Amino acid sequence: MATKAPRAAKQNATPGSGARIDDWRVFAPLDLHPILAAALEEFREHGYHGTSVRDVARRAGVSLPMIYYRFDNKQGLLVALLEGAMGEVLRRARVADAEAEGRVLERFARVVECIVLHMTHRAATAVLDAELRYLEPDNRKQYAALRKELEELLLEIVEEGVTQGLFEVDSAPDTTRALLGMCQAVSGWYRADGSLSPEEIADRYVAISLRTVGARVWPTPHGRVK
């Protein structure tokens, strides 16, 4: 039987997953519930399969019953982290998209920039997307629906760019999935002490993405069209 969604997944996920976002380019330090912070570190060090609830409890300094009460079980911890991270990037992407006021090139550049900034500033949680294979059917379906919302947002922009003659792609759905996969991969290699800042990486990936869709006109950095 599939595990029900954890009762604390929404309120104890990542900053921005439910709160108002005024500036999608500004990321406050990750502020997780202590139990989720401990679970995140355990998952990153040992993987979902190699982590036990007892490990998380020991790291968080809480009792096992406390974890079961708030998150039901280990599956609930993973769901809370995954859905919290995806909820945040979705909210940020929608704000970034709205700021472009319908201008396709700006919409595309801003949304791609937003996603890459998330993959750097929130790399610790974004990289957990690789653990979705451990989600039970109902939880995977719920998480997949959130991922699909982000995909459909970018797909709609790409299709509109093709319609307006700004982009040239053979398959908008395939191109969109390729772009999202490319952006997601950033969370796997990004290091805060690396040679490039999140903003520099985002600018580079916006340029790569514009080439990928065959953009005929280019916006300036940060989504402002020349």
N, C-alpha and C. Protein backbone atom coordinates (compact mmCIF):
# COMPACT_ATOMS: atom_id res chain seq x y z
N MET A 1 0.85 -1.19 0.00
CA MET A 1 0.00 0.00 0.00
C MET A 1 0.88 1.24 0.00
N ALA A 2 0.55 2.22 -0.81
CA ALA A 2 1.35 3.44 -0.88
C ALA A 2 1.20 4.25 0.39
N THR A 3 2.27 4.89 0.78
CA THR A 3 2.26 5.71 1.98
C THR A 3 1.56 7.02 1.72
N LYS A 4 0.69 7.44 2.62
CA LYS A 4 0.01 8.71 2.43
C LYS A 4 1.00 9.85 2.54
N ALA A 5 0.66 10.97 1.93
CA ALA A 5 1.54 12.13 1.97
C ALA A 5 1.71 12.58 3.41
N PRO A 6 2.91 12.99 3.80
CA PRO A 6 3.16 13.37 5.18
C PRO A 6 2.37 14.60 5.56
N ARG A 7 1.89 14.64 6.79
CA ARG A 7 1.05 15.73 7.22
C ARG A 7 1.81 17.03 7.35
N ALA A 8 3.17 16.95 7.43
CA ALA A 8 3.95 18.18 7.61
C ALA A 8 4.68 18.60 6.35
N ALA A 9 4.42 17.97 5.24
CA ALA A 9 5.21 18.23 4.04
C ALA A 9 5.13 19.67 3.60
N LYS A 10 3.95 20.29 3.66
CA LYS A 10 3.80 21.62 3.13
C LYS A 10 4.45 22.68 4.01
N GLN A 11 4.16 22.63 5.32
CA GLN A 11 4.60 23.72 6.16
C GLN A 11 6.05 23.65 6.58
N ASN A 12 6.69 22.52 6.44
CA ASN A 12 8.07 22.40 6.92
C ASN A 12 9.04 22.06 5.80
N ALA A 13 8.77 22.53 4.63
CA ALA A 13 9.63 22.20 3.50
C ALA A 13 10.72 23.26 3.35
N THR A 14 10.75 23.93 2.22
CA THR A 14 11.80 24.92 2.01
C THR A 14 11.21 26.31 2.00
N PRO A 15 12.01 27.35 2.28
CA PRO A 15 11.51 28.70 2.24
C PRO A 15 10.97 29.00 0.85
N GLY A 16 9.85 29.67 0.80
CA GLY A 16 9.30 30.02 -0.51
C GLY A 16 8.33 29.01 -1.05
N SER A 17 8.24 27.81 -0.46
CA SER A 17 7.34 26.80 -0.99
C SER A 17 5.89 27.20 -0.80
N GLY A 18 5.62 28.07 0.18
CA GLY A 18 4.26 28.52 0.38
C GLY A 18 4.18 30.01 0.63
N ALA A 19 5.31 30.63 0.98
CA ALA A 19 5.33 32.04 1.31
C ALA A 19 5.39 32.91 0.06
N ARG A 20 5.03 34.16 0.23
CA ARG A 20 5.09 35.13 -0.86
C ARG A 20 6.54 35.34 -1.30
N ILE A 21 6.75 35.41 -2.61
CA ILE A 21 8.07 35.67 -3.16
C ILE A 21 8.05 37.02 -3.86
N ASP A 22 8.78 37.98 -3.33
CA ASP A 22 8.80 39.31 -3.92
C ASP A 22 9.90 39.45 -4.98
N ASP A 23 11.02 38.81 -4.76
CA ASP A 23 12.13 38.87 -5.71
C ASP A 23 12.63 37.45 -5.95
N TRP A 24 12.36 36.94 -7.14
CA TRP A 24 12.70 35.54 -7.42
C TRP A 24 14.20 35.30 -7.55
N ARG A 25 14.97 36.37 -7.64
CA ARG A 25 16.43 36.22 -7.73
C ARG A 25 17.11 36.21 -6.36
N VAL A 26 16.37 36.50 -5.32
CA VAL A 26 16.94 36.56 -3.97
C VAL A 26 16.59 35.29 -3.21
N PHE A 27 17.61 34.62 -2.70
CA PHE A 27 17.45 33.37 -1.96
C PHE A 27 17.97 33.54 -0.54
N ALA A 28 17.05 33.46 0.41
CA ALA A 28 17.47 33.47 1.81
C ALA A 28 18.13 32.12 2.11
N PRO A 29 18.96 32.05 3.15
CA PRO A 29 19.55 30.75 3.50
C PRO A 29 18.47 29.70 3.72
N LEU A 30 18.76 28.48 3.36
CA LEU A 30 17.81 27.39 3.53
C LEU A 30 17.47 27.24 5.01
N ASP A 31 16.18 27.25 5.32
CA ASP A 31 15.73 27.23 6.70
C ASP A 31 14.74 26.09 6.87
N LEU A 32 15.27 24.90 7.09
CA LEU A 32 14.44 23.71 7.23
C LEU A 32 14.11 23.41 8.68
N HIS A 33 13.01 22.74 8.89
CA HIS A 33 12.71 22.17 10.20
C HIS A 33 13.90 21.28 10.58
N PRO A 34 14.33 21.27 11.85
CA PRO A 34 15.50 20.47 12.25
C PRO A 34 15.44 19.02 11.82
N ILE A 35 14.25 18.42 11.83
CA ILE A 35 14.14 17.03 11.41
C ILE A 35 14.42 16.90 9.92
N LEU A 36 13.89 17.83 9.14
CA LEU A 36 14.14 17.77 7.69
C LEU A 36 15.59 18.10 7.37
N ALA A 37 16.18 19.02 8.12
CA ALA A 37 17.60 19.34 7.91
C ALA A 37 18.45 18.10 8.15
N ALA A 38 18.12 17.35 9.20
CA ALA A 38 18.86 16.13 9.50
C ALA A 38 18.63 15.08 8.42
N ALA A 39 17.39 14.95 7.97
CA ALA A 39 17.09 13.99 6.91
C ALA A 39 17.82 14.34 5.63
N LEU A 40 17.87 15.62 5.31
CA LEU A 40 18.58 16.05 4.10
C LEU A 40 20.04 15.65 4.15
N GLU A 41 20.69 15.88 5.27
CA GLU A 41 22.10 15.53 5.39
C GLU A 41 22.31 14.02 5.30
N GLU A 42 21.43 13.27 5.92
CA GLU A 42 21.54 11.80 5.85
C GLU A 42 21.34 11.30 4.42
N PHE A 43 20.34 11.83 3.74
CA PHE A 43 20.08 11.41 2.36
C PHE A 43 21.25 11.77 1.45
N ARG A 44 21.83 12.93 1.67
CA ARG A 44 22.95 13.36 0.83
C ARG A 44 24.19 12.50 1.08
N GLU A 45 24.40 12.11 2.32
CA GLU A 45 25.59 11.33 2.66
C GLU A 45 25.44 9.84 2.37
N HIS A 46 24.24 9.31 2.60
CA HIS A 46 24.05 7.86 2.50
C HIS A 46 22.99 7.43 1.50
N GLY A 47 22.30 8.40 0.89
CA GLY A 47 21.23 8.05 -0.03
C GLY A 47 19.97 7.66 0.74
N TYR A 48 18.85 7.68 0.05
CA TYR A 48 17.59 7.33 0.72
C TYR A 48 17.62 5.90 1.24
N HIS A 49 18.07 4.99 0.39
CA HIS A 49 18.07 3.58 0.75
C HIS A 49 18.98 3.30 1.95
N GLY A 50 20.07 4.04 2.05
CA GLY A 50 21.03 3.79 3.11
C GLY A 50 20.76 4.54 4.40
N THR A 51 19.66 5.27 4.45
CA THR A 51 19.30 6.06 5.63
C THR A 51 18.15 5.41 6.38
N SER A 52 18.21 5.42 7.68
CA SER A 52 17.10 4.93 8.50
C SER A 52 16.50 6.08 9.29
N VAL A 53 15.27 5.90 9.74
CA VAL A 53 14.63 6.92 10.56
C VAL A 53 15.42 7.11 11.85
N ARG A 54 15.98 6.04 12.35
CA ARG A 54 16.80 6.13 13.57
C ARG A 54 18.02 7.03 13.33
N ASP A 55 18.63 6.93 12.14
CA ASP A 55 19.76 7.80 11.80
C ASP A 55 19.34 9.26 11.85
N VAL A 56 18.17 9.55 11.26
CA VAL A 56 17.67 10.92 11.22
C VAL A 56 17.38 11.42 12.63
N ALA A 57 16.75 10.59 13.43
CA ALA A 57 16.41 10.97 14.81
C ALA A 57 17.68 11.29 15.60
N ARG A 58 18.67 10.45 15.44
CA ARG A 58 19.94 10.65 16.16
C ARG A 58 20.58 11.98 15.74
N ARG A 59 20.57 12.24 14.46
CA ARG A 59 21.20 13.46 13.95
C ARG A 59 20.42 14.71 14.37
N ALA A 60 19.11 14.60 14.39
CA ALA A 60 18.26 15.74 14.74
C ALA A 60 18.16 15.93 16.25
N GLY A 61 18.52 14.90 17.03
CA GLY A 61 18.41 14.98 18.47
C GLY A 61 16.98 14.90 18.96
N VAL A 62 16.16 14.12 18.25
CA VAL A 62 14.76 13.95 18.64
C VAL A 62 14.45 12.45 18.78
N SER A 63 13.30 12.16 19.30
CA SER A 63 12.89 10.77 19.47
C SER A 63 12.29 10.23 18.18
N LEU A 64 12.29 8.93 18.03
CA LEU A 64 11.65 8.30 16.88
C LEU A 64 10.16 8.64 16.80
N PRO A 65 9.43 8.58 17.93
CA PRO A 65 8.01 8.93 17.87
C PRO A 65 7.76 10.33 17.34
N MET A 66 8.65 11.27 17.63
CA MET A 66 8.48 12.64 17.13
C MET A 66 8.51 12.67 15.60
N ILE A 67 9.44 11.92 15.01
CA ILE A 67 9.52 11.88 13.55
C ILE A 67 8.28 11.21 12.96
N TYR A 68 7.86 10.11 13.56
CA TYR A 68 6.67 9.43 13.05
C TYR A 68 5.42 10.29 13.20
N TYR A 69 5.38 11.08 14.27
CA TYR A 69 4.22 11.94 14.49
C TYR A 69 4.14 13.04 13.43
N ARG A 70 5.29 13.65 13.13
CA ARG A 70 5.29 14.79 12.22
C ARG A 70 5.32 14.39 10.74
N PHE A 71 6.01 13.28 10.42
CA PHE A 71 6.21 12.93 9.01
C PHE A 71 5.80 11.51 8.64
N ASP A 72 5.24 10.78 9.56
CA ASP A 72 4.75 9.42 9.33
C ASP A 72 5.87 8.38 9.25
N ASN A 73 6.87 8.61 8.38
CA ASN A 73 7.95 7.63 8.20
C ASN A 73 9.05 8.23 7.32
N LYS A 74 10.00 7.42 6.92
CA LYS A 74 11.11 7.91 6.09
C LYS A 74 10.61 8.42 4.74
N GLN A 75 9.62 7.75 4.17
CA GLN A 75 9.05 8.19 2.90
C GLN A 75 8.49 9.61 3.04
N GLY A 76 7.88 9.87 4.18
CA GLY A 76 7.32 11.20 4.41
C GLY A 76 8.39 12.28 4.44
N LEU A 77 9.56 11.96 4.96
CA LEU A 77 10.66 12.92 4.97
C LEU A 77 11.10 13.26 3.55
N LEU A 78 11.23 12.24 2.72
CA LEU A 78 11.64 12.47 1.34
C LEU A 78 10.60 13.28 0.58
N VAL A 79 9.33 12.95 0.78
CA VAL A 79 8.26 13.68 0.11
C VAL A 79 8.28 15.15 0.52
N ALA A 80 8.45 15.41 1.81
CA ALA A 80 8.47 16.79 2.29
C ALA A 80 9.60 17.59 1.64
N LEU A 81 10.78 16.98 1.54
CA LEU A 81 11.93 17.68 0.95
C LEU A 81 11.74 17.90 -0.55
N LEU A 82 11.29 16.86 -1.25
CA LEU A 82 11.11 16.98 -2.70
C LEU A 82 10.02 17.97 -3.06
N GLU A 83 8.87 17.83 -2.41
CA GLU A 83 7.75 18.72 -2.74
C GLU A 83 8.02 20.15 -2.30
N GLY A 84 8.73 20.31 -1.20
CA GLY A 84 9.09 21.66 -0.77
C GLY A 84 9.98 22.35 -1.77
N ALA A 85 10.99 21.64 -2.26
CA ALA A 85 11.92 22.23 -3.23
C ALA A 85 11.22 22.53 -4.54
N MET A 86 10.41 21.59 -5.03
CA MET A 86 9.71 21.81 -6.29
C MET A 86 8.67 22.92 -6.16
N GLY A 87 8.01 22.99 -4.99
CA GLY A 87 7.05 24.06 -4.78
C GLY A 87 7.71 25.42 -4.83
N GLU A 88 8.91 25.51 -4.28
CA GLU A 88 9.61 26.80 -4.29
C GLU A 88 10.01 27.21 -5.70
N VAL A 89 10.60 26.32 -6.46
CA VAL A 89 11.03 26.71 -7.81
C VAL A 89 9.83 27.04 -8.69
N LEU A 90 8.72 26.37 -8.49
CA LEU A 90 7.51 26.68 -9.26
C LEU A 90 7.03 28.09 -8.96
N ARG A 91 6.98 28.43 -7.69
CA ARG A 91 6.52 29.77 -7.31
C ARG A 91 7.46 30.83 -7.86
N ARG A 92 8.74 30.60 -7.76
CA ARG A 92 9.70 31.57 -8.29
C ARG A 92 9.58 31.70 -9.81
N ALA A 93 9.42 30.57 -10.49
CA ALA A 93 9.31 30.60 -11.96
C ALA A 93 8.07 31.36 -12.40
N ARG A 94 6.99 31.21 -11.68
CA ARG A 94 5.76 31.92 -12.04
C ARG A 94 5.92 33.43 -11.87
N VAL A 95 6.62 33.82 -10.80
CA VAL A 95 6.87 35.25 -10.59
C VAL A 95 7.79 35.78 -11.69
N ALA A 96 8.83 35.02 -12.01
CA ALA A 96 9.76 35.44 -13.07
C ALA A 96 9.03 35.57 -14.40
N ASP A 97 8.16 34.62 -14.70
CA ASP A 97 7.39 34.65 -15.94
C ASP A 97 6.47 35.85 -15.98
N ALA A 98 5.79 36.12 -14.89
CA ALA A 98 4.84 37.23 -14.85
C ALA A 98 5.52 38.58 -15.05
N GLU A 99 6.75 38.69 -14.57
CA GLU A 99 7.47 39.96 -14.70
C GLU A 99 7.75 40.32 -16.15
N ALA A 100 7.80 39.32 -17.01
CA ALA A 100 8.09 39.57 -18.43
C ALA A 100 6.90 40.14 -19.17
N GLU A 101 5.73 40.12 -18.56
CA GLU A 101 4.51 40.73 -19.12
C GLU A 101 4.22 40.24 -20.53
N GLY A 102 4.41 38.94 -20.74
CA GLY A 102 4.02 38.33 -22.01
C GLY A 102 5.06 38.38 -23.11
N ARG A 103 6.17 39.06 -22.91
CA ARG A 103 7.21 39.13 -23.94
C ARG A 103 7.99 37.82 -23.95
N VAL A 104 7.88 37.09 -25.04
CA VAL A 104 8.34 35.70 -25.08
C VAL A 104 9.83 35.55 -24.78
N LEU A 105 10.66 36.35 -25.40
CA LEU A 105 12.10 36.23 -25.15
C LEU A 105 12.44 36.47 -23.69
N GLU A 106 11.81 37.49 -23.11
CA GLU A 106 12.05 37.77 -21.71
C GLU A 106 11.49 36.66 -20.82
N ARG A 107 10.32 36.14 -21.17
CA ARG A 107 9.74 35.04 -20.39
C ARG A 107 10.70 33.85 -20.39
N PHE A 108 11.19 33.49 -21.56
CA PHE A 108 12.08 32.35 -21.69
C PHE A 108 13.36 32.56 -20.88
N ALA A 109 14.00 33.71 -21.08
CA ALA A 109 15.27 33.98 -20.40
C ALA A 109 15.09 34.01 -18.89
N ARG A 110 14.02 34.63 -18.42
CA ARG A 110 13.79 34.74 -16.98
C ARG A 110 13.50 33.39 -16.34
N VAL A 111 12.67 32.59 -16.99
CA VAL A 111 12.33 31.29 -16.41
C VAL A 111 13.54 30.37 -16.38
N VAL A 112 14.32 30.34 -17.44
CA VAL A 112 15.54 29.52 -17.43
C VAL A 112 16.50 30.02 -16.36
N GLU A 113 16.69 31.34 -16.29
CA GLU A 113 17.56 31.91 -15.26
C GLU A 113 17.07 31.51 -13.86
N CYS A 114 15.78 31.61 -13.66
CA CYS A 114 15.18 31.26 -12.37
C CYS A 114 15.46 29.81 -11.99
N ILE A 115 15.28 28.91 -12.93
CA ILE A 115 15.49 27.48 -12.66
C ILE A 115 16.95 27.20 -12.32
N VAL A 116 17.87 27.80 -13.07
CA VAL A 116 19.29 27.56 -12.81
C VAL A 116 19.71 28.19 -11.47
N LEU A 117 19.18 29.36 -11.16
CA LEU A 117 19.48 29.94 -9.85
C LEU A 117 19.00 29.02 -8.73
N HIS A 118 17.85 28.41 -8.92
CA HIS A 118 17.35 27.46 -7.93
C HIS A 118 18.29 26.27 -7.80
N MET A 119 18.79 25.76 -8.93
CA MET A 119 19.65 24.58 -8.91
C MET A 119 21.00 24.86 -8.26
N THR A 120 21.37 26.13 -8.15
CA THR A 120 22.61 26.48 -7.48
C THR A 120 22.36 26.85 -6.02
N HIS A 121 21.51 27.85 -5.80
CA HIS A 121 21.23 28.28 -4.44
C HIS A 121 20.56 27.19 -3.60
N ARG A 122 19.80 26.32 -4.24
CA ARG A 122 19.11 25.25 -3.53
C ARG A 122 19.62 23.87 -3.97
N ALA A 123 20.90 23.81 -4.31
CA ALA A 123 21.48 22.55 -4.80
C ALA A 123 21.29 21.42 -3.79
N ALA A 124 21.37 21.73 -2.52
CA ALA A 124 21.27 20.69 -1.48
C ALA A 124 19.95 19.93 -1.56
N THR A 125 18.86 20.65 -1.84
CA THR A 125 17.56 19.98 -1.96
C THR A 125 17.25 19.58 -3.39
N ALA A 126 17.69 20.39 -4.36
CA ALA A 126 17.39 20.09 -5.76
C ALA A 126 18.01 18.76 -6.20
N VAL A 127 19.18 18.43 -5.67
CA VAL A 127 19.86 17.20 -6.08
C VAL A 127 19.10 15.96 -5.63
N LEU A 128 18.20 16.12 -4.66
CA LEU A 128 17.42 14.97 -4.19
C LEU A 128 16.44 14.47 -5.25
N ASP A 129 16.26 15.23 -6.32
CA ASP A 129 15.37 14.77 -7.39
C ASP A 129 15.78 13.39 -7.89
N ALA A 130 17.06 13.07 -7.77
CA ALA A 130 17.54 11.75 -8.20
C ALA A 130 16.98 10.63 -7.34
N GLU A 131 16.48 10.96 -6.15
CA GLU A 131 15.95 9.95 -5.24
C GLU A 131 14.46 9.67 -5.48
N LEU A 132 13.88 10.33 -6.46
CA LEU A 132 12.43 10.15 -6.69
C LEU A 132 12.10 8.71 -7.06
N ARG A 133 13.09 7.94 -7.50
CA ARG A 133 12.83 6.54 -7.83
C ARG A 133 12.38 5.74 -6.62
N TYR A 134 12.62 6.28 -5.43
CA TYR A 134 12.21 5.58 -4.22
C TYR A 134 10.81 5.98 -3.75
N LEU A 135 10.20 6.92 -4.43
CA LEU A 135 8.85 7.32 -4.03
C LEU A 135 7.85 6.20 -4.34
N GLU A 136 6.93 5.99 -3.44
CA GLU A 136 5.88 5.02 -3.67
C GLU A 136 4.89 5.59 -4.68
N PRO A 137 4.11 4.74 -5.36
CA PRO A 137 3.29 5.17 -6.50
C PRO A 137 2.49 6.45 -6.30
N ASP A 138 1.72 6.54 -5.24
CA ASP A 138 0.89 7.74 -5.04
C ASP A 138 1.74 8.98 -4.82
N ASN A 139 2.82 8.83 -4.07
CA ASN A 139 3.70 9.97 -3.82
C ASN A 139 4.46 10.39 -5.08
N ARG A 140 4.84 9.40 -5.87
CA ARG A 140 5.53 9.72 -7.13
C ARG A 140 4.59 10.45 -8.08
N LYS A 141 3.35 10.02 -8.12
CA LYS A 141 2.36 10.67 -8.99
C LYS A 141 2.16 12.12 -8.58
N GLN A 142 2.09 12.36 -7.29
CA GLN A 142 1.89 13.72 -6.78
C GLN A 142 3.09 14.59 -7.10
N TYR A 143 4.29 14.05 -6.92
CA TYR A 143 5.50 14.83 -7.20
C TYR A 143 5.65 15.05 -8.70
N ALA A 144 5.33 14.03 -9.49
CA ALA A 144 5.42 14.16 -10.94
C ALA A 144 4.50 15.25 -11.45
N ALA A 145 3.36 15.43 -10.80
CA ALA A 145 2.43 16.48 -11.21
C ALA A 145 3.04 17.86 -11.01
N LEU A 146 3.81 18.04 -9.92
CA LEU A 146 4.48 19.31 -9.69
C LEU A 146 5.57 19.55 -10.74
N ARG A 147 6.33 18.53 -11.04
CA ARG A 147 7.36 18.65 -12.07
C ARG A 147 6.74 18.99 -13.42
N LYS A 148 5.57 18.37 -13.68
CA LYS A 148 4.89 18.61 -14.94
C LYS A 148 4.45 20.06 -15.08
N GLU A 149 4.07 20.68 -13.98
CA GLU A 149 3.67 22.09 -14.03
C GLU A 149 4.82 22.96 -14.52
N LEU A 150 6.02 22.69 -14.02
CA LEU A 150 7.18 23.46 -14.45
C LEU A 150 7.47 23.19 -15.92
N GLU A 151 7.39 21.93 -16.32
CA GLU A 151 7.62 21.58 -17.72
C GLU A 151 6.62 22.27 -18.64
N GLU A 152 5.36 22.28 -18.23
CA GLU A 152 4.32 22.88 -19.07
C GLU A 152 4.48 24.40 -19.18
N LEU A 153 4.98 25.02 -18.11
CA LEU A 153 5.23 26.46 -18.16
C LEU A 153 6.28 26.76 -19.22
N LEU A 154 7.40 26.05 -19.17
CA LEU A 154 8.47 26.30 -20.14
C LEU A 154 8.04 25.88 -21.54
N LEU A 155 7.31 24.78 -21.65
CA LEU A 155 6.84 24.32 -22.95
C LEU A 155 5.95 25.36 -23.61
N GLU A 156 5.05 25.95 -22.85
CA GLU A 156 4.16 26.96 -23.41
C GLU A 156 4.94 28.14 -23.96
N ILE A 157 6.01 28.52 -23.26
CA ILE A 157 6.84 29.64 -23.73
C ILE A 157 7.56 29.26 -25.02
N VAL A 158 8.13 28.05 -25.05
CA VAL A 158 8.83 27.60 -26.26
C VAL A 158 7.88 27.54 -27.44
N GLU A 159 6.70 27.00 -27.24
CA GLU A 159 5.72 26.91 -28.33
C GLU A 159 5.30 28.29 -28.82
N GLU A 160 5.14 29.23 -27.90
CA GLU A 160 4.78 30.58 -28.30
C GLU A 160 5.92 31.23 -29.08
N GLY A 161 7.17 30.94 -28.67
CA GLY A 161 8.31 31.46 -29.40
C GLY A 161 8.37 30.94 -30.82
N VAL A 162 8.03 29.67 -31.00
CA VAL A 162 7.98 29.08 -32.34
C VAL A 162 6.87 29.74 -33.16
N THR A 163 5.71 29.92 -32.56
CA THR A 163 4.58 30.54 -33.25
C THR A 163 4.92 31.95 -33.72
N GLN A 164 5.66 32.69 -32.92
CA GLN A 164 6.01 34.06 -33.27
C GLN A 164 7.24 34.15 -34.18
N GLY A 165 7.82 33.00 -34.51
CA GLY A 165 8.99 33.01 -35.38
C GLY A 165 10.27 33.40 -34.68
N LEU A 166 10.26 33.38 -33.34
CA LEU A 166 11.45 33.73 -32.57
C LEU A 166 12.35 32.53 -32.30
N PHE A 167 11.75 31.34 -32.23
CA PHE A 167 12.48 30.10 -31.97
C PHE A 167 12.28 29.15 -33.14
N GLU A 168 13.24 28.25 -33.29
CA GLU A 168 13.14 27.23 -34.33
C GLU A 168 13.59 25.89 -33.73
N VAL A 169 12.64 25.02 -33.48
CA VAL A 169 12.93 23.70 -32.92
C VAL A 169 12.16 22.64 -33.68
N ASP A 170 12.67 21.43 -33.72
CA ASP A 170 11.98 20.33 -34.39
C ASP A 170 10.82 19.82 -33.54
N SER A 171 11.02 19.76 -32.22
CA SER A 171 9.99 19.27 -31.32
C SER A 171 10.03 20.08 -30.05
N ALA A 172 9.02 20.89 -29.80
CA ALA A 172 8.98 21.72 -28.60
C ALA A 172 8.97 20.88 -27.32
N PRO A 173 8.19 19.80 -27.24
CA PRO A 173 8.20 18.98 -26.02
C PRO A 173 9.57 18.36 -25.74
N ASP A 174 10.20 17.80 -26.77
CA ASP A 174 11.52 17.18 -26.57
C ASP A 174 12.56 18.22 -26.18
N THR A 175 12.50 19.39 -26.83
CA THR A 175 13.44 20.45 -26.51
C THR A 175 13.26 20.93 -25.08
N THR A 176 12.03 21.07 -24.67
CA THR A 176 11.74 21.52 -23.30
C THR A 176 12.28 20.53 -22.28
N ARG A 177 12.04 19.24 -22.50
CA ARG A 177 12.56 18.24 -21.57
C ARG A 177 14.08 18.24 -21.54
N ALA A 178 14.69 18.43 -22.69
CA ALA A 178 16.15 18.49 -22.74
C ALA A 178 16.69 19.69 -21.95
N LEU A 179 16.03 20.83 -22.09
CA LEU A 179 16.45 22.02 -21.36
C LEU A 179 16.32 21.83 -19.85
N LEU A 180 15.20 21.26 -19.42
CA LEU A 180 15.00 21.04 -17.99
C LEU A 180 16.01 20.02 -17.44
N GLY A 181 16.31 19.00 -18.22
CA GLY A 181 17.31 18.03 -17.78
C GLY A 181 18.68 18.67 -17.65
N MET A 182 19.01 19.54 -18.59
CA MET A 182 20.28 20.25 -18.55
C MET A 182 20.37 21.13 -17.30
N CYS A 183 19.29 21.84 -17.00
CA CYS A 183 19.27 22.72 -15.83
C CYS A 183 19.33 21.90 -14.54
N GLN A 184 18.58 20.81 -14.49
CA GLN A 184 18.56 19.98 -13.29
C GLN A 184 19.95 19.44 -12.98
N ALA A 185 20.71 19.12 -14.01
CA ALA A 185 22.04 18.55 -13.81
C ALA A 185 22.98 19.50 -13.08
N VAL A 186 22.70 20.79 -13.12
CA VAL A 186 23.56 21.76 -12.44
C VAL A 186 23.66 21.46 -10.95
N SER A 187 22.56 21.03 -10.35
CA SER A 187 22.57 20.77 -8.91
C SER A 187 23.53 19.66 -8.53
N GLY A 188 23.88 18.80 -9.47
CA GLY A 188 24.78 17.70 -9.19
C GLY A 188 26.25 18.08 -9.16
N TRP A 189 26.61 19.15 -9.91
CA TRP A 189 28.02 19.52 -9.94
C TRP A 189 28.34 20.87 -9.32
N TYR A 190 27.33 21.68 -9.07
CA TYR A 190 27.58 23.02 -8.53
C TYR A 190 28.21 22.95 -7.14
N ARG A 191 29.20 23.81 -6.90
CA ARG A 191 29.82 23.94 -5.59
C ARG A 191 29.89 25.43 -5.23
N ALA A 192 29.51 25.76 -4.02
CA ALA A 192 29.48 27.15 -3.61
C ALA A 192 30.87 27.80 -3.68
N ASP A 193 31.92 27.00 -3.53
CA ASP A 193 33.28 27.53 -3.57
C ASP A 193 33.89 27.41 -4.96
N GLY A 194 33.07 27.16 -5.97
CA GLY A 194 33.57 27.03 -7.34
C GLY A 194 33.95 28.37 -7.95
N SER A 195 34.43 28.33 -9.17
CA SER A 195 34.94 29.54 -9.82
C SER A 195 33.84 30.45 -10.35
N LEU A 196 32.62 29.93 -10.51
CA LEU A 196 31.52 30.73 -11.04
C LEU A 196 30.44 30.93 -9.99
N SER A 197 29.88 32.12 -9.96
CA SER A 197 28.77 32.41 -9.05
C SER A 197 27.48 31.86 -9.64
N PRO A 198 26.44 31.70 -8.84
CA PRO A 198 25.15 31.26 -9.37
C PRO A 198 24.66 32.15 -10.51
N GLU A 199 24.89 33.46 -10.38
CA GLU A 199 24.43 34.38 -11.41
C GLU A 199 25.20 34.19 -12.72
N GLU A 200 26.49 33.94 -12.62
CA GLU A 200 27.29 33.71 -13.83
C GLU A 200 26.88 32.40 -14.50
N ILE A 201 26.62 31.38 -13.71
CA ILE A 201 26.17 30.10 -14.27
C ILE A 201 24.82 30.28 -14.95
N ALA A 202 23.92 31.01 -14.29
CA ALA A 202 22.59 31.24 -14.86
C ALA A 202 22.69 31.97 -16.20
N ASP A 203 23.54 33.00 -16.27
CA ASP A 203 23.71 33.74 -17.53
C ASP A 203 24.21 32.82 -18.64
N ARG A 204 25.15 31.96 -18.31
CA ARG A 204 25.69 31.04 -19.31
C ARG A 204 24.63 30.05 -19.79
N TYR A 205 23.82 29.57 -18.86
CA TYR A 205 22.80 28.60 -19.23
C TYR A 205 21.66 29.24 -20.00
N VAL A 206 21.38 30.50 -19.74
CA VAL A 206 20.39 31.22 -20.55
C VAL A 206 20.90 31.29 -22.00
N ALA A 207 22.18 31.60 -22.17
CA ALA A 207 22.76 31.68 -23.51
C ALA A 207 22.71 30.32 -24.20
N ILE A 208 23.07 29.26 -23.49
CA ILE A 208 23.02 27.91 -24.06
C ILE A 208 21.58 27.56 -24.45
N SER A 209 20.64 27.92 -23.60
CA SER A 209 19.24 27.60 -23.85
C SER A 209 18.71 28.36 -25.07
N LEU A 210 19.10 29.61 -25.20
CA LEU A 210 18.67 30.39 -26.36
C LEU A 210 19.21 29.79 -27.65
N ARG A 211 20.44 29.31 -27.62
CA ARG A 211 20.99 28.65 -28.81
C ARG A 211 20.23 27.35 -29.09
N THR A 212 19.86 26.64 -28.02
CA THR A 212 19.16 25.37 -28.18
C THR A 212 17.81 25.55 -28.88
N VAL A 213 17.12 26.64 -28.58
CA VAL A 213 15.81 26.87 -29.22
C VAL A 213 15.95 27.66 -30.53
N GLY A 214 17.18 27.91 -30.95
CA GLY A 214 17.39 28.62 -32.21
C GLY A 214 16.87 30.03 -32.19
N ALA A 215 17.06 30.73 -31.05
CA ALA A 215 16.57 32.09 -30.92
C ALA A 215 17.18 32.99 -31.99
N ARG A 216 16.34 33.79 -32.63
CA ARG A 216 16.80 34.69 -33.69
C ARG A 216 17.07 36.09 -33.16
N VAL A 217 16.54 36.41 -32.01
CA VAL A 217 16.81 37.67 -31.34
C VAL A 217 17.20 37.32 -29.92
N TRP A 218 18.17 38.03 -29.37
CA TRP A 218 18.65 37.68 -28.04
C TRP A 218 18.33 38.78 -27.04
N PRO A 219 17.89 38.39 -25.84
CA PRO A 219 17.74 39.39 -24.77
C PRO A 219 19.09 39.68 -24.15
N THR A 220 19.20 40.80 -23.49
CA THR A 220 20.41 41.12 -22.75
C THR A 220 20.39 40.32 -21.46
N PRO A 221 21.49 40.31 -20.68
CA PRO A 221 21.49 39.57 -19.42
C PRO A 221 20.30 39.95 -18.55
N HIS A 222 19.80 38.97 -17.83
CA HIS A 222 18.68 39.13 -16.91
C HIS A 222 17.37 39.39 -17.62
N GLY A 223 17.26 38.93 -18.86
CA GLY A 223 15.96 38.89 -19.50
C GLY A 223 15.50 40.19 -20.13
N ARG A 224 16.36 41.17 -20.28
CA ARG A 224 15.93 42.42 -20.90
C ARG A 224 16.31 42.40 -22.37
N VAL A 225 15.31 42.46 -23.23
CA VAL A 225 15.55 42.33 -24.66
C VAL A 225 16.25 43.55 -25.22
N LYS A 226 17.19 43.30 -26.11
CA LYS A 226 17.91 44.41 -26.75
C LYS A 226 16.97 45.19 -27.67
